[in-house]
C-alpha atoms as a PDB file:
ATOM      1  CA  MET A   1       0.052   0.014   0.016  1.00  0.00           C
ATOM      2  CA  LYS A   2       1.584   3.147  -0.983  1.00  0.00           C
ATOM      3  CA  ILE A   3       0.968   6.202   1.818  1.00  0.00           C
ATOM      4  CA  ASP A   4       2.014   9.610   1.308  1.00  0.00           C
ATOM      5  CA  THR A   5       5.068  10.596   2.933  1.00  0.00           C
ATOM      6  CA  PRO A   6       5.902  13.821   4.825  1.00  0.00           C
ATOM      7  CA  LYS A   7       6.848  16.700   2.586  1.00  0.00           C
ATOM      8  CA  ILE A   8       9.685  18.212   4.572  1.00  0.00           C
ATOM      9  CA  PRO A   9      12.372  20.708   3.078  1.00  0.00           C
ATOM     10  CA  GLU A  10      15.870  20.434   3.357  1.00  0.00           C
ATOM     11  CA  ASN A  11      16.657  23.482   5.321  1.00  0.00           C
ATOM     12  CA  LEU A  12      15.290  23.568   8.946  1.00  0.00           C
ATOM     13  CA  THR A  13      15.530  26.086  11.608  1.00  0.00           C
ATOM     14  CA  GLU A  14      16.857  24.154  14.816  1.00  0.00           C
ATOM     15  CA  ARG A  15      15.151  24.438  17.939  1.00  0.00           C
ATOM     16  CA  LYS A  16      14.587  23.257  21.487  1.00  0.00           C
ATOM     17  CA  PHE A  17      10.753  22.526  22.421  1.00  0.00           C
ATOM     18  CA  THR A  18      10.858  24.630  24.958  1.00  0.00           C
ATOM     19  CA  ASP A  19      10.836  27.352  22.507  1.00  0.00           C
ATOM     20  CA  ILE A  20       7.248  26.788  22.003  1.00  0.00           C
ATOM     21  CA  TYR A  21       6.278  29.126  24.975  1.00  0.00           C
ATOM     22  CA  TYR A  22       7.828  32.058  23.154  1.00  0.00           C
ATOM     23  CA  GLU A  23       5.691  31.750  20.085  1.00  0.00           C
ATOM     24  CA  GLU A  24       2.622  33.998  19.917  1.00  0.00           C
ATOM     25  CA  ASP A  25       0.803  30.604  18.916  1.00  0.00           C
ATOM     26  CA  PRO A  26       1.886  27.042  20.038  1.00  0.00           C
ATOM     27  CA  GLU A  27       3.271  26.071  16.699  1.00  0.00           C
ATOM     28  CA  PHE A  28       6.634  24.941  14.833  1.00  0.00           C
ATOM     29  CA  GLU A  29       6.776  25.481  10.914  1.00  0.00           C
ATOM     30  CA  VAL A  30      10.090  24.017   9.258  1.00  0.00           C
ATOM     31  CA  SER A  31      11.924  23.125  12.243  1.00  0.00           C
ATOM     32  CA  LEU A  32      14.568  20.376  13.869  1.00  0.00           C
ATOM     33  CA  VAL A  33      14.025  19.854  17.076  1.00  0.00           C
ATOM     34  CA  THR A  34      16.588  17.424  18.995  1.00  0.00           C
ATOM     35  CA  ASP A  35      17.329  16.246  22.402  1.00  0.00           C
ATOM     36  CA  SER A  36      14.513  18.164  24.340  1.00  0.00           C
ATOM     37  CA  GLN A  37      12.962  17.298  27.492  1.00  0.00           C
ATOM     38  CA  PHE A  38       9.346  18.132  27.682  1.00  0.00           C
ATOM     39  CA  ASP A  39       7.813  15.625  29.975  1.00  0.00           C
ATOM     40  CA  ASN A  40       4.708  16.307  32.352  1.00  0.00           C
ATOM     41  CA  GLU A  41       4.396  19.559  30.109  1.00  0.00           C
ATOM     42  CA  SER A  42       0.988  20.706  28.742  1.00  0.00           C
ATOM     43  CA  ILE A  43      -0.141  22.540  25.514  1.00  0.00           C
ATOM     44  CA  ASP A  44      -3.445  22.531  24.015  1.00  0.00           C
ATOM     45  CA  ARG A  45      -3.855  22.846  20.045  1.00  0.00           C
ATOM     46  CA  LEU A  46      -0.065  22.303  19.200  1.00  0.00           C
ATOM     47  CA  ARG A  47       0.657  22.990  15.460  1.00  0.00           C
ATOM     48  CA  LEU A  48       3.401  21.092  13.945  1.00  0.00           C
ATOM     49  CA  TYR A  49       4.252  21.395  10.321  1.00  0.00           C
ATOM     50  CA  GLN A  50       7.342  20.041   8.217  1.00  0.00           C
ATOM     51  CA  THR A  51       8.989  19.599  10.900  1.00  0.00           C
ATOM     52  CA  VAL A  52      11.425  16.696  12.114  1.00  0.00           C
ATOM     53  CA  ILE A  53      11.662  15.770  15.660  1.00  0.00           C
ATOM     54  CA  LYS A  54      14.658  13.526  17.086  1.00  0.00           C
ATOM     55  CA  ASN A  55      15.681  11.909  20.704  1.00  0.00           C
ATOM     56  CA  CYS A  56      12.946  13.904  22.429  1.00  0.00           C
ATOM     57  CA  ASN A  57      10.840  12.749  25.791  1.00  0.00           C
ATOM     58  CA  PHE A  58       7.558  13.964  26.038  1.00  0.00           C
ATOM     59  CA  VAL A  59       6.419  11.396  28.613  1.00  0.00           C
ATOM     60  CA  ASN A  60       3.165  12.152  30.406  1.00  0.00           C
ATOM     61  CA  THR A  61       2.786  15.521  28.280  1.00  0.00           C
ATOM     62  CA  ASP A  62      -0.843  16.765  27.363  1.00  0.00           C
ATOM     63  CA  PHE A  63      -0.921  17.629  23.517  1.00  0.00           C
ATOM     64  CA  SER A  64      -4.897  17.284  23.446  1.00  0.00           C
ATOM     65  CA  ARG A  65      -5.964  18.638  20.215  1.00  0.00           C
ATOM     66  CA  ILE A  66      -2.690  18.383  18.494  1.00  0.00           C
ATOM     67  CA  ASP A  67      -2.250  19.252  14.556  1.00  0.00           C
ATOM     68  CA  LEU A  68       0.450  17.221  12.830  1.00  0.00           C
ATOM     69  CA  THR A  69       0.970  17.740   9.222  1.00  0.00           C
ATOM     70  CA  ASP A  70       4.409  16.570   7.537  1.00  0.00           C
ATOM     71  CA  VAL A  71       6.250  15.433  10.627  1.00  0.00           C
ATOM     72  CA  ARG A  72       8.788  13.188  11.290  1.00  0.00           C
ATOM     73  CA  PHE A  73       9.491  11.650  15.014  1.00  0.00           C
ATOM     74  CA  GLU A  74      12.406   9.791  15.439  1.00  0.00           C
ATOM     75  CA  ASN A  75      13.659   7.867  18.671  1.00  0.00           C
ATOM     76  CA  CYS A  76      11.022   9.835  20.907  1.00  0.00           C
ATOM     77  CA  ASP A  77       9.148   8.689  23.856  1.00  0.00           C
ATOM     78  CA  LEU A  78       5.542   9.510  24.025  1.00  0.00           C
ATOM     79  CA  SER A  79       4.410   7.325  26.764  1.00  0.00           C
ATOM     80  CA  ASN A  80       1.520   8.383  28.439  1.00  0.00           C
ATOM     81  CA  ALA A  81       1.404  11.599  26.464  1.00  0.00           C
ATOM     82  CA  ASN A  82      -2.347  12.987  25.579  1.00  0.00           C
ATOM     83  CA  LEU A  83      -3.102  13.151  21.984  1.00  0.00           C
ATOM     84  CA  GLY A  84      -6.416  13.111  22.000  1.00  0.00           C
ATOM     85  CA  ASN A  85      -8.739  14.244  19.124  1.00  0.00           C
ATOM     86  CA  ALA A  86      -5.572  14.605  17.238  1.00  0.00           C
ATOM     87  CA  SER A  87      -5.276  15.611  13.528  1.00  0.00           C
ATOM     88  CA  MET A  88      -2.459  13.964  12.069  1.00  0.00           C
ATOM     89  CA  ASN A  89      -1.380  13.640   7.919  1.00  0.00           C
ATOM     90  CA  ARG A  90       1.881  12.437   6.346  1.00  0.00           C
ATOM     91  CA  ILE A  91       3.470  11.453   9.421  1.00  0.00           C
ATOM     92  CA  GLU A  92       6.082   9.026  10.385  1.00  0.00           C
ATOM     93  CA  PHE A  93       6.698   7.466  13.722  1.00  0.00           C
ATOM     94  CA  TYR A  94      10.343   5.717  13.919  1.00  0.00           C
ATOM     95  CA  ASN A  95      11.708   3.801  16.541  1.00  0.00           C
ATOM     96  CA  CYS A  96       9.336   5.811  19.196  1.00  0.00           C
ATOM     97  CA  LYS A  97       7.554   4.552  22.203  1.00  0.00           C
ATOM     98  CA  LEU A  98       3.842   5.550  22.837  1.00  0.00           C
ATOM     99  CA  LEU A  99       3.647   2.893  25.959  1.00  0.00           C
ATOM    100  CA  GLY A 100      -0.142   3.687  26.886  1.00  0.00           C
ATOM    101  CA  SER A 101      -0.612   6.864  25.184  1.00  0.00           C
ATOM    102  CA  ASN A 102      -4.212   8.536  24.186  1.00  0.00           C
ATOM    103  CA  LEU A 103      -5.105   8.973  20.575  1.00  0.00           C
ATOM    104  CA  THR A 104      -8.431   8.571  20.946  1.00  0.00           C
ATOM    105  CA  GLU A 105     -11.023  10.461  18.877  1.00  0.00           C
ATOM    106  CA  SER A 106      -8.360  11.154  16.602  1.00  0.00           C
ATOM    107  CA  TYR A 107      -7.904  11.340  12.586  1.00  0.00           C
ATOM    108  CA  ILE A 108      -4.859   9.197  11.736  1.00  0.00           C
ATOM    109  CA  GLY A 109      -3.894   9.532   7.668  1.00  0.00           C
ATOM    110  CA  ASN A 110      -1.094   8.632   5.552  1.00  0.00           C
ATOM    111  CA  THR A 111       0.566   7.802   8.810  1.00  0.00           C
ATOM    112  CA  ARG A 112       3.568   5.086   9.336  1.00  0.00           C
ATOM    113  CA  PHE A 113       4.664   3.717  12.750  1.00  0.00           C
ATOM    114  CA  GLU A 114       7.887   1.692  11.961  1.00  0.00           C
ATOM    115  CA  LYS A 115       9.832  -0.035  14.702  1.00  0.00           C
ATOM    116  CA  SER A 116       7.604   1.326  17.210  1.00  0.00           C
ATOM    117  CA  ILE A 117       6.441   0.525  20.858  1.00  0.00           C
ATOM    118  CA  LEU A 118       1.960   1.267  21.272  1.00  0.00           C
ATOM    119  CA  ASN A 119       1.412  -1.247  23.731  1.00  0.00           C
ATOM    120  CA  MET A 120      -1.641  -0.293  25.530  1.00  0.00           C
ATOM    121  CA  VAL A 121      -2.092   2.600  23.452  1.00  0.00           C
ATOM    122  CA  MET A 122      -5.886   4.058  23.377  1.00  0.00           C
ATOM    123  CA  PHE A 123      -7.128   4.530  19.642  1.00  0.00           C
ATOM    124  CA  GLY A 124     -10.964   4.432  20.624  1.00  0.00           C
ATOM    125  CA  ASN A 125     -13.458   6.455  18.292  1.00  0.00           C
ATOM    126  CA  SER A 126     -10.581   7.153  15.835  1.00  0.00           C
ATOM    127  CA  LYS A 127     -10.369   6.983  12.057  1.00  0.00           C
ATOM    128  CA  PHE A 128      -7.779   5.655  10.206  1.00  0.00           C
ATOM    129  CA  GLU A 129      -7.153   6.494   6.417  1.00  0.00           C
ATOM    130  CA  LYS A 130      -3.873   4.882   4.950  1.00  0.00           C
ATOM    131  CA  VAL A 131      -1.974   4.025   7.917  1.00  0.00           C
ATOM    132  CA  THR A 132       1.019   1.291   8.300  1.00  0.00           C
ATOM    133  CA  PHE A 133       1.970  -0.310  11.171  1.00  0.00           C
ATOM    134  CA  ASP A 134       5.488  -1.960  10.719  1.00  0.00           C
ATOM    135  CA  ASP A 135       7.390  -3.803  12.649  1.00  0.00           C
ATOM    136  CA  ALA A 136       5.505  -2.389  15.857  1.00  0.00           C
ATOM    137  CA  SER A 137       4.188  -3.757  18.842  1.00  0.00           C
ATOM    138  CA  LEU A 138       0.455  -3.008  19.734  1.00  0.00           C
ATOM    139  CA  GLU A 139       0.109  -5.468  22.472  1.00  0.00           C
ATOM    140  CA  SER A 140      -3.005  -4.684  24.602  1.00  0.00           C
ATOM    141  CA  ALA A 141      -3.945  -1.636  22.268  1.00  0.00           C
ATOM    142  CA  ASP A 142      -7.207  -0.708  22.521  1.00  0.00           C
ATOM    143  CA  LEU A 143      -8.655   0.026  18.859  1.00  0.00           C
ATOM    144  CA  TYR A 144     -12.743   0.317  20.126  1.00  0.00           C
ATOM    145  CA  ASP A 145     -15.266   1.541  17.717  1.00  0.00           C
ATOM    146  CA  CYS A 146     -12.527   2.933  14.786  1.00  0.00           C
ATOM    147  CA  LYS A 147     -12.964   3.392  11.127  1.00  0.00           C
ATOM    148  CA  LEU A 148     -10.098   1.253   9.650  1.00  0.00           C
ATOM    149  CA  LYS A 149      -9.371   2.395   5.670  1.00  0.00           C
ATOM    150  CA  LYS A 150      -6.422   1.349   4.138  1.00  0.00           C
ATOM    151  CA  VAL A 151      -4.603  -0.089   7.027  1.00  0.00           C
ATOM    152  CA  GLU A 152      -1.943  -2.499   7.147  1.00  0.00           C
ATOM    153  CA  PHE A 153      -0.313  -4.522   9.957  1.00  0.00           C
ATOM    154  CA  LEU A 154       2.871  -5.690   9.083  1.00  0.00           C
ATOM    155  CA  SER A 155       4.934  -8.057  10.884  1.00  0.00           C
ATOM    156  CA  CYS A 156       3.436  -6.815  14.478  1.00  0.00           C
ATOM    157  CA  ASN A 157       2.844  -7.868  17.496  1.00  0.00           C
ATOM    158  CA  ILE A 158      -1.057  -7.473  18.050  1.00  0.00           C
ATOM    159  CA  ASN A 159      -1.415  -9.893  20.728  1.00  0.00           C
ATOM    160  CA  ASP A 160      -4.481  -9.058  23.607  1.00  0.00           C
ATOM    161  CA  ALA A 161      -5.345  -6.256  20.944  1.00  0.00           C
ATOM    162  CA  ARG A 162      -8.823  -5.099  21.302  1.00  0.00           C
ATOM    163  CA  PHE A 163     -10.900  -4.631  18.133  1.00  0.00           C
ATOM    164  CA  GLU A 164     -14.292  -4.227  19.671  1.00  0.00           C
ATOM    165  CA  GLU A 165     -17.360  -2.583  17.395  1.00  0.00           C
ATOM    166  CA  THR A 166     -14.367  -2.071  14.831  1.00  0.00           C
ATOM    167  CA  SER A 167     -14.395  -3.892  11.343  1.00  0.00           C
ATOM    168  CA  LEU A 168     -11.569  -5.916  10.060  1.00  0.00           C
ATOM    169  CA  LYS A 169     -13.196  -6.164   6.890  1.00  0.00           C
ATOM    170  CA  GLY A 170     -10.180  -5.677   3.941  1.00  0.00           C
ATOM    171  CA  ILE A 171      -7.311  -5.426   6.470  1.00  0.00           C
ATOM    172  CA  ASP A 172      -4.521  -7.932   6.403  1.00  0.00           C
ATOM    173  CA  ILE A 173      -2.926  -9.129   9.669  1.00  0.00           C
ATOM    174  CA  SER A 174      -1.491 -12.495   7.833  1.00  0.00           C
ATOM    175  CA  SER A 175       1.840 -11.532   8.871  1.00  0.00           C
ATOM    176  CA  SER A 176       1.412 -10.252  12.460  1.00  0.00           C
ATOM    177  CA  ASN A 177       1.323 -12.274  15.662  1.00  0.00           C
ATOM    178  CA  PHE A 178      -0.832 -13.208  18.420  1.00  0.00           C
ATOM    179  CA  ASP A 179      -2.051 -15.661  21.135  1.00  0.00           C
ATOM    180  CA  SER A 180      -5.055 -13.914  21.257  1.00  0.00           C
ATOM    181  CA  LEU A 181      -7.045 -10.971  20.112  1.00  0.00           C
ATOM    182  CA  ILE A 182     -10.456  -9.571  21.366  1.00  0.00           C
ATOM    183  CA  VAL A 183     -12.766  -9.270  18.589  1.00  0.00           C
ATOM    184  CA  SER A 184     -16.310 -10.396  17.497  1.00  0.00           C
ATOM    185  CA  ILE A 185     -16.749 -13.150  14.200  1.00  0.00           C
ATOM    186  CA  GLU A 186     -19.075 -10.555  12.753  1.00  0.00           C
ATOM    187  CA  ASN A 187     -16.067  -7.836  12.660  1.00  0.00           C
ATOM    188  CA  LEU A 188     -13.541 -10.463  11.556  1.00  0.00           C
ATOM    189  CA  LYS A 189     -15.509 -11.066   7.991  1.00  0.00           C
ATOM    190  CA  GLY A 190     -13.285 -10.211   5.017  1.00  0.00           C
ATOM    191  CA  CYS A 191      -9.979  -9.660   7.603  1.00  0.00           C
ATOM    192  CA  LYS A 192      -6.964 -11.251   5.666  1.00  0.00           C
ATOM    193  CA  VAL A 193      -5.646 -14.077   8.270  1.00  0.00           C
ATOM    194  CA  SER A 194      -2.843 -17.085   7.594  1.00  0.00           C
ATOM    195  CA  THR A 195      -3.705 -20.344   7.820  1.00  0.00           C
ATOM    196  CA  PHE A 196      -2.198 -20.555  11.129  1.00  0.00           C
ATOM    197  CA  GLN A 197      -4.064 -17.567  12.222  1.00  0.00           C
ATOM    198  CA  ALA A 198      -7.185 -19.205  10.807  1.00  0.00           C
ATOM    199  CA  ILE A 199      -6.629 -22.468  13.107  1.00  0.00           C
ATOM    200  CA  GLN A 200      -5.860 -19.636  16.163  1.00  0.00           C
ATOM    201  CA  PHE A 201      -9.049 -18.132  15.684  1.00  0.00           C
ATOM    202  CA  ALA A 202     -10.974 -21.392  15.067  1.00  0.00           C
ATOM    203  CA  SER A 203      -9.493 -22.558  18.298  1.00  0.00           C
ATOM    204  CA  LEU A 204     -10.374 -19.705  20.136  1.00  0.00           C
ATOM    205  CA  LEU A 205     -14.213 -20.368  19.068  1.00  0.00           C
ATOM    206  CA  GLY A 206     -13.780 -23.814  20.373  1.00  0.00           C
ATOM    207  CA  LEU A 207     -13.613 -25.523  17.226  1.00  0.00           C
ATOM    208  CA  LYS A 208     -11.679 -28.828  17.261  1.00  0.00           C
ATOM    209  CA  ILE A 209     -10.093 -29.227  14.335  1.00  0.00           C
ATOM    210  CA  GLN A 210      -9.090 -32.771  12.974  1.00  0.00           C
ATOM    211  CA  ASP A 211      -6.895 -33.588   9.647  1.00  0.00           C
END
């Protein structure tokens, strides 16, 4: 699946994330932010545009209603961050931690989560459009009542992920692994699975398979 990648200029202005407090509006454009500690902070309606963020710590920070366009996060820790009601388009998360983060009621489009940890992330009531999870861990992630359009899980750990009230029609999970999933049979219709996974689902249903 082809997704649109972030459009980021070559020449970026170097900043520290704390510089955001000196901006008239809470926004960075065409910026490079590296090695910033910004944990346990709170900024409402932050806007990041054409920006790269590397090696930064945003643990427990409240970024509710964040607006992200053309942004790449590398080696960042956003564990337990509040990104509820976020708007994301053309975003990349590479080698990031979002352990237990809140992304409920968000729009996530043209976004790639690669080699990242999203265990226990809350995605409830969000809309996904052209999103790739690549070699990511989503153990016990909560995708309650989400709309998934052109979403793929490539070699991911989706063990104990919750897909209640979320249709997996057209979604390919065949290269990912799990011991159990929380999903209704109705919402599994049209989901692309491997032969081994089909046997797993059958056993979860209580079917006894004989050769």
